[in-house]
Amino acid sequence: MASPELLQPPQAVDAPHIRSGDDEELRDLVAALPDRLQDDLRTVAGWTEVVEIVLDLGRVPEVRISDGSERLLPWKVEAGHIAAVVEAIGEFTDDNRAGVPGTLHRFSAIRNRSGRVVGLTVRRGRALHGTTAIVRDIVAGDRSLLLLGPPGVGKTTMLREMARVLANDHGARVVIVDTSNEIGGDGDIPHPGIGRARRMQVAAPDRQHRVMIEAVENHMPEVIVVDEIGTDLEAEAARTIAERGVRLIATAHGQTLDNVLLNPLLSDLVGGVESVTLSDDEARRRRTQKTVLERRSPPTFDTLIELHSRDAFVIHHNVAGSVDAILRGGAVRAESRMRLPDGRVLRDTNAEARVSVENTLPQPKDPVDDPGDDGRLRVFPFGVSRSRLEHAIANSATDMVRLVRHLAQADVVVTLRSFHRKRARVLRDAEARGVPVYVLRNNTVTQMEACLATLLDMEGPEEPPQPAQPNATARGNGAPRQHLRTPLSSRPRLV
């Protein structure tokens, strides 16, 4: 029976409305566009809420509005149109980004093999006051915070507002490490949207980790703000900053905590993963197998916010506890918050826990006594989109595959070529344990379906199954699967 606190219903609380006053900056954006595009843009319904404009040579322009709608203009982009935009804006940096001085707009270039710009993605930047109201209690705290979400969900906008609120309203010494001038705007004078926060520009994207350390050593910040942590060097710099007692607020690409945990470049941000062999007594106490995945170290970030949309968040207040729960296959306790149309925030402090109470996940048991060993092929995806793999299984119309969360439960491991090249610890453990590793060229449903066809006997009983070789199965996982099409080897293979 769940406790009353666990089943407490969601509550709606008042919050300030989001405010925007960027009419002048919108005019600056429009002024950088070709004359024909300026005229046609103003004919689009709701054009003042434009989010993105796509210009590709020889194709019709695309105008995307904040409500999710798209409009294709009835003419094709010519080389002169692109040249006019490039001439009107600042210089492109090494990451092919440029901007309009004094604004937050971003122009991203696509070049041909000779280096000439043949495409542009124009993203409107806006300083929206009130976007952090949904998490203002977390912003006012002192814990390091990671914002996680796919591109276009509003991570940078919220990051900018957090810097302003901390600097102006809480009097904190905030330093922004601005790699693409997307937080503080283009030009040497930072945009008013960051308030009193200071901004350090980065000469090249591959120097971001150095500027992060330089900010701590030279400018005595209380808070460091960084956008798009994406390399192992930046993850290492983030841990160094956290260990020096400086609060770190950053963003990363991904949809859920699981994505970060399975990303070998970023997993250290949430503590990392390693394979641990338990004693017999500890394995019995946990009611699990002897070899398990555990968190390697304390997380760099204490709190993690998943931005599922601009108005729907899932908050992990205790990242260490959430990671431990994921690795042990238990319930992940988190809080969900949703911004309602009237501006109020619907808070559910036990949204994830309530689902787990109603659909309790069984703890993994020792493979020798595992009643769930039903003859299906148990696949452990590492660095592979779990949702796409589930889709591929559904397309294959087979019930002979089951996805597992622990290496010790797996018959095979499926990963990406880019992950295998980095020799992640989990993959080394798999090879040492004799678990076959299948390597996909890319993270697509088509590649996954081809892998499943290789693994499974899709041709029916006419083709007699071949026995797997002794080294084909994980130790302690019982008899070899007889539905495998070919004998498996623990050597990684590309499919």
Protein backbone atom coordinates (compact mmCIF):
# COMPACT_ATOMS: atom_id res chain seq x y z
CA MET A 1 0.00 0.00 0.00
CA ALA A 2 1.42 3.36 -1.01
CA SER A 3 1.77 6.10 1.58
CA PRO A 4 -0.67 9.08 1.47
CA GLU A 5 2.21 11.37 0.49
CA LEU A 6 3.04 9.17 -2.48
CA LEU A 7 -0.51 9.37 -3.82
CA GLN A 8 -0.97 13.11 -3.20
CA PRO A 9 -2.82 14.57 -6.22
CA PRO A 10 -1.30 17.23 -8.48
CA GLN A 11 -1.74 20.86 -7.45
CA ALA A 12 -1.93 24.05 -9.53
CA VAL A 13 -0.01 27.08 -8.23
CA ASP A 14 0.10 30.65 -9.51
CA ALA A 15 3.10 31.85 -11.54
CA PRO A 16 3.96 35.04 -13.47
CA HIS A 17 3.06 35.17 -17.15
CA ILE A 18 5.81 35.11 -19.79
CA ARG A 19 6.56 38.58 -21.13
CA SER A 20 8.33 39.57 -24.32
CA GLY A 21 9.23 42.95 -25.79
CA ASP A 22 11.40 42.21 -28.82
CA ASP A 23 9.52 44.08 -31.55
CA GLU A 24 12.60 46.14 -32.39
CA GLU A 25 14.80 43.04 -32.59
CA LEU A 26 12.25 41.37 -34.86
CA ARG A 27 12.60 44.35 -37.22
CA ASP A 28 16.38 43.86 -37.18
CA LEU A 29 15.89 40.23 -38.16
CA VAL A 30 13.55 41.08 -41.01
CA ALA A 31 15.93 43.81 -42.24
CA ALA A 32 18.68 41.21 -42.75
CA LEU A 33 16.48 39.21 -45.17
CA PRO A 34 16.19 39.72 -48.95
CA ASP A 35 13.56 42.32 -49.99
CA ARG A 36 11.31 39.73 -51.60
CA LEU A 37 11.36 37.56 -48.49
CA GLN A 38 10.59 40.57 -46.28
CA ASP A 39 7.47 41.39 -48.32
CA ASP A 40 6.19 37.82 -48.49
CA LEU A 41 6.94 37.15 -44.81
CA ARG A 42 4.58 39.93 -43.76
CA THR A 43 1.74 38.24 -45.67
CA VAL A 44 2.05 35.05 -43.60
CA ALA A 45 -0.61 34.73 -40.89
CA GLY A 46 0.99 35.10 -37.47
CA TRP A 47 4.35 36.12 -38.93
CA THR A 48 5.25 38.11 -35.80
CA GLU A 49 5.53 34.76 -34.00
CA VAL A 50 8.04 33.39 -36.51
CA VAL A 51 10.50 30.92 -34.98
CA GLU A 52 12.65 29.83 -37.90
CA ILE A 53 13.22 30.55 -41.57
CA VAL A 54 14.95 28.01 -43.84
CA LEU A 55 16.64 29.14 -47.08
CA ASP A 56 18.16 26.46 -49.31
CA LEU A 57 19.49 27.21 -52.77
CA GLY A 58 17.05 26.13 -55.50
CA ARG A 59 14.23 25.36 -53.04
CA VAL A 60 11.21 27.29 -51.80
CA PRO A 61 11.70 29.17 -48.48
CA GLU A 62 10.14 27.66 -45.36
CA VAL A 63 8.68 29.84 -42.61
CA ARG A 64 7.96 28.13 -39.28
CA ILE A 65 5.63 29.72 -36.73
CA SER A 66 5.57 29.18 -32.95
CA ASP A 67 2.27 27.25 -33.12
CA GLY A 68 4.04 24.51 -35.10
CA SER A 69 2.68 25.50 -38.51
CA GLU A 70 4.84 25.88 -41.62
CA ARG A 71 4.40 28.02 -44.70
CA LEU A 72 6.16 27.49 -48.03
CA LEU A 73 6.55 30.65 -50.10
CA PRO A 74 5.83 30.29 -53.86
CA TRP A 75 9.29 31.01 -55.25
CA LYS A 76 12.75 29.46 -55.18
CA VAL A 77 15.83 30.72 -53.37
CA GLU A 78 18.56 32.04 -55.64
CA ALA A 79 22.25 32.58 -54.96
CA GLY A 80 21.67 36.34 -54.76
CA HIS A 81 19.16 35.91 -51.92
CA ILE A 82 21.64 33.97 -49.81
CA ALA A 83 24.47 36.38 -50.65
CA ALA A 84 22.33 39.32 -49.51
CA VAL A 85 21.74 37.73 -46.09
CA VAL A 86 25.42 36.82 -45.65
CA GLU A 87 26.41 40.39 -46.45
CA ALA A 88 23.89 41.87 -43.99
CA ILE A 89 25.01 39.88 -40.94
CA GLY A 90 28.26 39.42 -39.04
CA GLU A 91 31.06 36.99 -39.85
CA PHE A 92 30.51 33.27 -39.51
CA THR A 93 32.58 31.54 -36.83
CA ASP A 94 34.20 28.10 -37.01
CA ASP A 95 30.88 26.47 -36.15
CA ASN A 96 29.20 28.21 -39.14
CA ARG A 97 27.10 30.50 -36.96
CA ALA A 98 26.64 34.25 -37.18
CA GLY A 99 24.30 36.89 -35.78
CA VAL A 100 23.05 40.44 -35.92
CA PRO A 101 24.90 42.69 -33.44
CA GLY A 102 22.76 43.63 -30.45
CA THR A 103 20.25 40.82 -31.00
CA LEU A 104 19.86 37.17 -30.07
CA HIS A 105 19.10 35.90 -33.58
CA ARG A 106 21.22 33.08 -35.00
CA PHE A 107 22.10 32.45 -38.64
CA SER A 108 23.53 28.97 -39.32
CA ALA A 109 25.16 28.26 -42.69
CA ILE A 110 25.29 25.15 -44.86
CA ARG A 111 28.28 25.15 -47.23
CA ASN A 112 29.12 23.21 -50.35
CA ARG A 113 32.40 21.36 -50.84
CA SER A 114 34.18 24.53 -51.93
CA GLY A 115 33.06 26.43 -48.85
CA ARG A 116 30.37 28.60 -50.44
CA VAL A 117 27.17 29.13 -48.44
CA VAL A 118 24.26 27.35 -50.14
CA GLY A 119 21.80 27.21 -47.27
CA LEU A 120 20.80 29.19 -44.18
CA THR A 121 18.80 28.40 -41.06
CA VAL A 122 17.60 31.62 -39.46
CA ARG A 123 16.49 31.13 -35.85
CA ARG A 124 14.82 33.95 -34.00
CA GLY A 125 16.25 34.62 -30.56
CA ARG A 126 14.03 36.09 -27.85
CA ALA A 127 14.59 37.17 -24.27
CA LEU A 128 11.40 35.98 -22.57
CA HIS A 129 10.96 37.15 -18.99
CA GLY A 130 9.04 34.71 -16.81
CA THR A 131 10.13 31.44 -18.44
CA THR A 132 11.88 30.38 -15.23
CA ALA A 133 8.78 30.94 -13.07
CA ILE A 134 7.89 27.27 -13.44
CA VAL A 135 11.17 26.34 -11.69
CA ARG A 136 11.88 29.51 -9.71
CA ASP A 137 12.35 27.58 -6.46
CA ILE A 138 15.11 25.52 -8.10
CA VAL A 139 16.76 28.58 -9.64
CA ALA A 140 16.82 30.30 -6.24
CA GLY A 141 18.66 27.34 -4.69
CA ASP A 142 22.37 26.58 -4.68
CA ARG A 143 22.52 23.21 -6.44
CA SER A 144 24.11 22.62 -9.84
CA LEU A 145 21.46 22.22 -12.53
CA LEU A 146 21.41 20.47 -15.93
CA LEU A 147 18.70 21.28 -18.51
CA LEU A 148 18.03 18.41 -20.89
CA GLY A 149 15.95 18.51 -24.05
CA PRO A 150 15.94 18.19 -27.85
CA PRO A 151 16.78 21.17 -30.10
CA GLY A 152 14.15 23.89 -30.29
CA VAL A 153 12.46 23.20 -26.97
CA GLY A 154 13.69 26.43 -25.32
CA LYS A 155 16.76 25.36 -23.32
CA THR A 156 18.87 28.39 -24.27
CA THR A 157 16.00 30.82 -23.67
CA MET A 158 15.51 29.45 -20.17
CA LEU A 159 19.26 29.40 -19.54
CA ARG A 160 19.49 33.10 -20.46
CA GLU A 161 16.60 33.98 -18.15
CA MET A 162 18.15 32.00 -15.29
CA ALA A 163 21.37 34.00 -15.65
CA ARG A 164 19.41 37.28 -15.55
CA VAL A 165 17.31 36.28 -12.54
CA LEU A 166 20.33 35.10 -10.54
CA ALA A 167 22.36 38.23 -11.35
CA ASN A 168 19.60 40.84 -10.98
CA ASP A 169 17.18 39.41 -8.44
CA HIS A 170 19.53 37.33 -6.27
CA GLY A 171 22.71 39.40 -6.59
CA ALA A 172 24.86 36.42 -7.59
CA ARG A 173 28.15 36.80 -9.48
CA VAL A 174 27.22 35.07 -12.73
CA VAL A 175 29.60 34.41 -15.63
CA ILE A 176 28.24 33.08 -18.92
CA VAL A 177 30.52 31.02 -21.17
CA ASP A 178 28.98 31.94 -24.53
CA THR A 179 30.41 29.78 -27.32
CA SER A 180 28.13 30.85 -30.18
CA ASN A 181 26.96 34.22 -28.79
CA GLU A 182 23.52 32.67 -28.52
CA ILE A 183 23.04 33.49 -24.84
CA GLY A 184 24.39 37.05 -24.76
CA GLY A 185 23.83 38.02 -28.38
CA ASP A 186 26.18 38.99 -31.17
CA GLY A 187 28.67 41.84 -30.73
CA ASP A 188 31.00 42.89 -27.91
CA ILE A 189 28.25 44.41 -25.73
CA PRO A 190 26.06 41.71 -24.17
CA HIS A 191 22.33 41.73 -24.80
CA PRO A 192 20.16 43.26 -22.01
CA GLY A 193 18.44 39.90 -21.72
CA ILE A 194 21.25 38.58 -19.49
CA GLY A 195 20.91 41.45 -17.01
CA ARG A 196 23.98 42.10 -14.86
CA ALA A 197 25.55 38.73 -15.66
CA ARG A 198 28.99 38.87 -17.29
CA ARG A 199 29.70 37.15 -20.58
CA MET A 200 32.89 35.43 -21.80
CA GLN A 201 33.00 34.74 -25.54
CA VAL A 202 34.71 31.67 -26.95
CA ALA A 203 36.95 32.00 -30.02
CA ALA A 204 36.28 28.46 -31.29
CA PRO A 205 33.88 25.70 -30.17
CA ASP A 206 36.73 23.32 -29.30
CA ARG A 207 38.00 25.84 -26.71
CA GLN A 208 34.83 25.94 -24.63
CA HIS A 209 36.22 23.66 -21.92
CA ARG A 210 39.28 25.91 -21.51
CA VAL A 211 37.16 29.04 -21.15
CA MET A 212 35.01 27.27 -18.56
CA ILE A 213 38.09 26.68 -16.38
CA GLU A 214 39.43 30.17 -17.12
CA ALA A 215 36.16 31.70 -15.90
CA VAL A 216 36.54 30.00 -12.52
CA GLU A 217 40.24 30.78 -12.12
CA ASN A 218 40.18 34.43 -13.20
CA HIS A 219 36.80 35.98 -12.42
CA MET A 220 35.62 34.59 -9.05
CA PRO A 221 32.08 33.60 -10.12
CA GLU A 222 29.45 32.11 -7.87
CA VAL A 223 27.57 30.67 -10.85
CA ILE A 224 28.88 29.48 -14.24
CA VAL A 225 26.33 29.25 -17.08
CA VAL A 226 27.18 27.08 -20.12
CA ASP A 227 25.13 26.12 -23.17
CA GLU A 228 25.39 22.74 -24.92
CA ILE A 229 27.88 20.54 -23.10
CA GLY A 230 28.66 17.88 -25.69
CA THR A 231 32.23 16.54 -25.40
CA ASP A 232 34.17 14.55 -22.85
CA LEU A 233 36.53 17.51 -22.30
CA GLU A 234 33.59 19.77 -21.48
CA ALA A 235 32.15 17.12 -19.17
CA GLU A 236 35.52 16.90 -17.40
CA ALA A 237 35.65 20.70 -17.08
CA ALA A 238 32.14 20.69 -15.64
CA ARG A 239 33.18 18.20 -12.95
CA THR A 240 36.24 20.32 -12.14
CA ILE A 241 34.03 23.39 -11.70
CA ALA A 242 31.60 21.52 -9.44
CA GLU A 243 34.46 20.20 -7.29
CA ARG A 244 35.70 23.77 -6.78
CA GLY A 245 32.46 24.75 -5.11
CA VAL A 246 31.07 26.85 -7.98
CA ARG A 247 27.45 26.35 -8.97
CA LEU A 248 27.09 25.20 -12.58
CA ILE A 249 23.98 25.63 -14.75
CA ALA A 250 24.21 24.04 -18.19
CA THR A 251 22.29 22.42 -21.02
CA ALA A 252 22.80 19.22 -23.03
CA HIS A 253 20.98 17.54 -25.89
CA GLY A 254 18.82 14.57 -25.02
CA GLN A 255 15.27 13.74 -24.02
CA THR A 256 15.53 11.83 -20.75
CA LEU A 257 18.01 11.02 -18.01
CA ASP A 258 18.46 7.60 -19.63
CA ASN A 259 19.86 9.29 -22.76
CA VAL A 260 22.61 11.00 -20.77
CA LEU A 261 23.35 7.86 -18.78
CA LEU A 262 23.91 5.79 -21.94
CA ASN A 263 25.94 8.48 -23.71
CA PRO A 264 29.61 7.62 -23.12
CA LEU A 265 30.62 11.27 -23.62
CA LEU A 266 28.14 12.72 -21.14
CA SER A 267 27.42 9.93 -18.66
CA ASP A 268 29.99 11.35 -16.24
CA LEU A 269 27.69 14.37 -15.79
CA VAL A 270 25.26 12.13 -13.89
CA GLY A 271 27.81 9.84 -12.24
CA GLY A 272 28.73 7.41 -15.01
CA VAL A 273 28.18 3.66 -15.16
CA GLU A 274 30.44 0.74 -14.30
CA SER A 275 30.04 -3.00 -13.93
CA VAL A 276 30.41 -4.30 -10.36
CA THR A 277 30.58 -7.87 -9.05
CA LEU A 278 28.71 -8.31 -5.78
CA SER A 279 29.40 -10.81 -3.05
CA ASP A 280 27.02 -13.73 -2.66
CA ASP A 281 25.47 -12.20 0.46
CA GLU A 282 24.98 -8.79 -1.15
CA ALA A 283 23.47 -10.34 -4.28
CA ARG A 284 20.99 -12.28 -2.13
CA ARG A 285 20.17 -9.18 -0.09
CA ARG A 286 19.44 -7.19 -3.24
CA ARG A 287 17.72 -10.17 -4.87
CA THR A 288 19.66 -9.56 -8.07
CA GLN A 289 22.45 -11.08 -10.14
CA LYS A 290 26.04 -10.93 -8.93
CA THR A 291 27.28 -8.65 -11.72
CA VAL A 292 25.32 -5.41 -11.88
CA LEU A 293 25.68 -1.91 -13.30
CA GLU A 294 26.20 0.77 -10.68
CA ARG A 295 26.88 4.49 -10.58
CA ARG A 296 30.62 5.12 -10.76
CA SER A 297 30.87 8.45 -8.89
CA PRO A 298 28.78 11.33 -7.48
CA PRO A 299 26.97 13.24 -10.25
CA THR A 300 28.36 16.56 -11.45
CA PHE A 301 24.82 17.97 -11.40
CA ASP A 302 22.60 17.60 -8.35
CA THR A 303 19.35 18.39 -10.19
CA LEU A 304 18.26 17.56 -13.74
CA ILE A 305 15.30 19.04 -15.63
CA GLU A 306 13.90 17.24 -18.67
CA LEU A 307 12.24 19.77 -21.01
CA HIS A 308 9.64 17.67 -22.82
CA SER A 309 8.15 20.86 -24.32
CA ARG A 310 8.20 24.57 -23.58
CA ASP A 311 5.50 24.06 -20.97
CA ALA A 312 6.05 20.50 -19.66
CA PHE A 313 9.00 19.51 -17.45
CA VAL A 314 10.09 16.46 -15.47
CA ILE A 315 12.44 17.29 -12.59
CA HIS A 316 14.87 14.89 -10.93
CA HIS A 317 15.66 16.62 -7.64
CA ASN A 318 18.08 13.84 -6.63
CA VAL A 319 20.05 12.80 -9.72
CA ALA A 320 22.10 10.25 -7.78
CA GLY A 321 18.96 8.52 -6.51
CA SER A 322 17.34 8.54 -9.97
CA VAL A 323 20.42 7.04 -11.62
CA ASP A 324 20.65 4.32 -8.98
CA ALA A 325 16.98 3.49 -9.50
CA ILE A 326 17.39 3.26 -13.27
CA LEU A 327 20.40 0.95 -13.01
CA ARG A 328 18.60 -1.32 -10.55
CA GLY A 329 15.42 -1.42 -12.62
CA GLY A 330 13.34 0.17 -9.88
CA ALA A 331 10.91 3.08 -9.71
CA VAL A 332 12.32 6.49 -10.61
CA ARG A 333 10.88 9.17 -8.39
CA ALA A 334 10.59 12.56 -10.06
CA GLU A 335 8.32 15.60 -10.22
CA SER A 336 6.36 16.80 -13.22
CA ARG A 337 5.40 20.43 -13.80
CA MET A 338 3.17 21.78 -16.55
CA ARG A 339 2.42 25.40 -17.41
CA LEU A 340 -1.32 25.82 -17.94
CA PRO A 341 -2.86 28.25 -20.49
CA ASP A 342 -3.92 30.61 -17.67
CA GLY A 343 -0.28 30.89 -16.50
CA ARG A 344 -0.61 28.65 -13.44
CA VAL A 345 1.77 25.71 -12.94
CA LEU A 346 0.42 22.20 -12.37
CA ARG A 347 2.83 20.40 -10.04
CA ASP A 348 2.78 16.66 -9.43
CA THR A 349 5.52 15.71 -6.98
CA ASN A 350 4.93 11.97 -7.39
CA ALA A 351 3.98 11.60 -11.05
CA GLU A 352 6.67 9.05 -11.85
CA ALA A 353 6.40 7.31 -8.48
CA ARG A 354 2.63 6.88 -8.83
CA VAL A 355 3.06 5.03 -12.14
CA SER A 356 5.66 2.81 -10.52
CA VAL A 357 3.35 2.02 -7.61
CA GLU A 358 0.64 0.84 -9.97
CA ASN A 359 3.00 -1.05 -12.28
CA THR A 360 5.83 -2.16 -10.04
CA LEU A 361 8.87 -3.36 -11.95
CA PRO A 362 10.26 -6.67 -10.63
CA GLN A 363 13.80 -6.50 -9.34
CA PRO A 364 16.24 -8.55 -11.46
CA LYS A 365 16.91 -11.94 -9.96
CA ASP A 366 19.81 -14.31 -10.29
CA PRO A 367 19.76 -15.71 -13.85
CA VAL A 368 19.89 -19.31 -12.61
CA ASP A 369 16.52 -18.91 -10.88
CA ASP A 370 15.03 -16.31 -13.21
CA PRO A 371 11.46 -17.39 -14.06
CA GLY A 372 11.44 -14.79 -16.85
CA ASP A 373 13.90 -16.83 -18.95
CA ASP A 374 11.23 -17.65 -21.52
CA GLY A 375 13.46 -18.47 -24.48
CA ARG A 376 13.28 -15.00 -26.00
CA LEU A 377 16.43 -13.22 -27.16
CA ARG A 378 17.42 -10.68 -24.52
CA VAL A 379 18.94 -7.56 -26.07
CA PHE A 380 20.77 -4.85 -24.13
CA PRO A 381 20.84 -1.57 -26.15
CA PHE A 382 23.82 0.67 -25.39
CA GLY A 383 23.83 4.12 -26.96
CA VAL A 384 20.98 3.04 -29.25
CA SER A 385 17.58 4.72 -29.23
CA ARG A 386 15.42 2.40 -27.15
CA SER A 387 12.18 3.75 -28.63
CA ARG A 388 13.42 3.20 -32.21
CA LEU A 389 14.56 -0.31 -31.35
CA GLU A 390 11.12 -1.07 -29.90
CA HIS A 391 9.62 0.28 -33.14
CA ALA A 392 11.91 -1.98 -35.17
CA ILE A 393 10.86 -4.99 -33.10
CA ALA A 394 7.21 -4.12 -33.75
CA ASN A 395 7.87 -3.80 -37.49
CA SER A 396 9.58 -7.20 -37.49
CA ALA A 397 6.38 -8.77 -36.11
CA THR A 398 8.28 -10.99 -33.71
CA ASP A 399 7.74 -11.82 -30.07
CA MET A 400 11.15 -13.48 -29.74
CA VAL A 401 13.00 -10.34 -28.58
CA ARG A 402 12.97 -8.72 -25.15
CA LEU A 403 14.90 -5.56 -24.23
CA VAL A 404 16.72 -5.63 -20.88
CA ARG A 405 18.38 -2.92 -18.78
CA HIS A 406 21.27 -4.93 -17.36
CA LEU A 407 24.28 -6.35 -19.15
CA ALA A 408 24.19 -9.47 -16.98
CA GLN A 409 20.69 -10.29 -18.30
CA ALA A 410 21.65 -9.89 -21.97
CA ASP A 411 22.24 -12.47 -24.67
CA VAL A 412 23.52 -9.81 -27.07
CA VAL A 413 24.44 -6.11 -26.95
CA VAL A 414 23.46 -3.72 -29.73
CA THR A 415 25.40 -0.45 -30.01
CA LEU A 416 26.50 2.18 -32.54
CA ARG A 417 29.79 2.24 -34.40
CA SER A 418 30.70 5.63 -32.92
CA PHE A 419 30.21 4.28 -29.39
CA HIS A 420 32.19 1.11 -30.05
CA ARG A 421 35.17 3.04 -31.38
CA LYS A 422 35.48 4.80 -28.02
CA ARG A 423 35.74 1.42 -26.24
CA ALA A 424 33.18 2.22 -23.57
CA ARG A 425 33.55 0.31 -20.30
CA VAL A 426 30.19 -1.44 -20.73
CA LEU A 427 31.21 -2.81 -24.13
CA ARG A 428 34.57 -4.00 -22.81
CA ASP A 429 32.73 -5.80 -20.00
CA ALA A 430 30.39 -7.41 -22.52
CA GLU A 431 33.25 -8.78 -24.59
CA ALA A 432 35.04 -10.01 -21.46
CA ARG A 433 31.87 -11.85 -20.39
CA GLY A 434 31.41 -13.42 -23.82
CA VAL A 435 28.27 -11.43 -24.66
CA PRO A 436 28.15 -10.80 -28.45
CA VAL A 437 28.26 -7.14 -29.48
CA TYR A 438 26.47 -6.11 -32.66
CA VAL A 439 27.48 -2.71 -34.08
CA LEU A 440 25.06 -0.59 -36.13
CA ARG A 441 26.29 1.93 -38.67
CA ASN A 442 23.68 4.50 -37.64
CA ASN A 443 20.78 4.96 -35.25
CA THR A 444 17.91 4.26 -37.67
CA VAL A 445 14.96 1.89 -37.57
CA THR A 446 16.07 0.38 -40.90
CA GLN A 447 19.48 -0.56 -39.48
CA MET A 448 17.83 -2.04 -36.40
CA GLU A 449 15.45 -4.14 -38.49
CA ALA A 450 18.42 -5.48 -40.47
CA CYS A 451 20.16 -6.36 -37.21
CA LEU A 452 17.07 -8.20 -35.93
CA ALA A 453 16.86 -10.13 -39.18
CA THR A 454 20.48 -11.19 -38.66
CA LEU A 455 19.88 -12.22 -35.06
CA LEU A 456 16.60 -14.06 -35.46
CA ASP A 457 15.51 -17.00 -37.57
CA MET A 458 12.96 -15.11 -39.64
CA GLU A 459 12.55 -17.88 -42.21
CA GLY A 460 10.48 -20.15 -40.06
CA PRO A 461 10.83 -23.87 -39.30
CA GLU A 462 11.93 -24.78 -42.85
CA GLU A 463 15.46 -23.74 -41.93
CA PRO A 464 16.67 -25.81 -38.98
CA PRO A 465 18.21 -23.71 -36.24
CA GLN A 466 21.95 -23.99 -35.79
CA PRO A 467 23.30 -24.44 -32.28
CA ALA A 468 25.18 -21.48 -30.87
CA GLN A 469 28.84 -21.92 -30.06
CA PRO A 470 29.85 -22.17 -26.41
CA ASN A 471 31.24 -18.64 -26.31
CA ALA A 472 28.05 -17.19 -27.73
CA THR A 473 26.14 -16.72 -24.51
CA ALA A 474 26.69 -14.63 -21.43
CA ARG A 475 27.99 -16.56 -18.46
CA GLY A 476 25.22 -17.74 -16.21
CA ASN A 477 22.45 -17.03 -18.74
CA GLY A 478 21.49 -20.67 -19.20
CA ALA A 479 21.42 -22.72 -22.41
CA PRO A 480 22.21 -21.09 -25.76
CA ARG A 481 19.23 -19.66 -27.65
CA GLN A 482 18.31 -22.06 -30.45
CA HIS A 483 16.35 -19.46 -32.44
CA LEU A 484 19.50 -17.58 -33.44
CA ARG A 485 20.08 -17.81 -37.18
CA THR A 486 23.86 -18.13 -36.99
CA PRO A 487 26.32 -19.01 -34.27
CA LEU A 488 27.27 -15.89 -32.36
CA SER A 489 30.77 -14.79 -31.53
CA SER A 490 31.79 -12.40 -28.80
CA ARG A 491 33.77 -10.47 -31.40
CA PRO A 492 31.93 -7.24 -32.42
CA ARG A 493 30.40 -7.38 -35.84
CA LEU A 494 29.03 -4.62 -38.08
CA VAL A 495 25.51 -5.08 -39.43
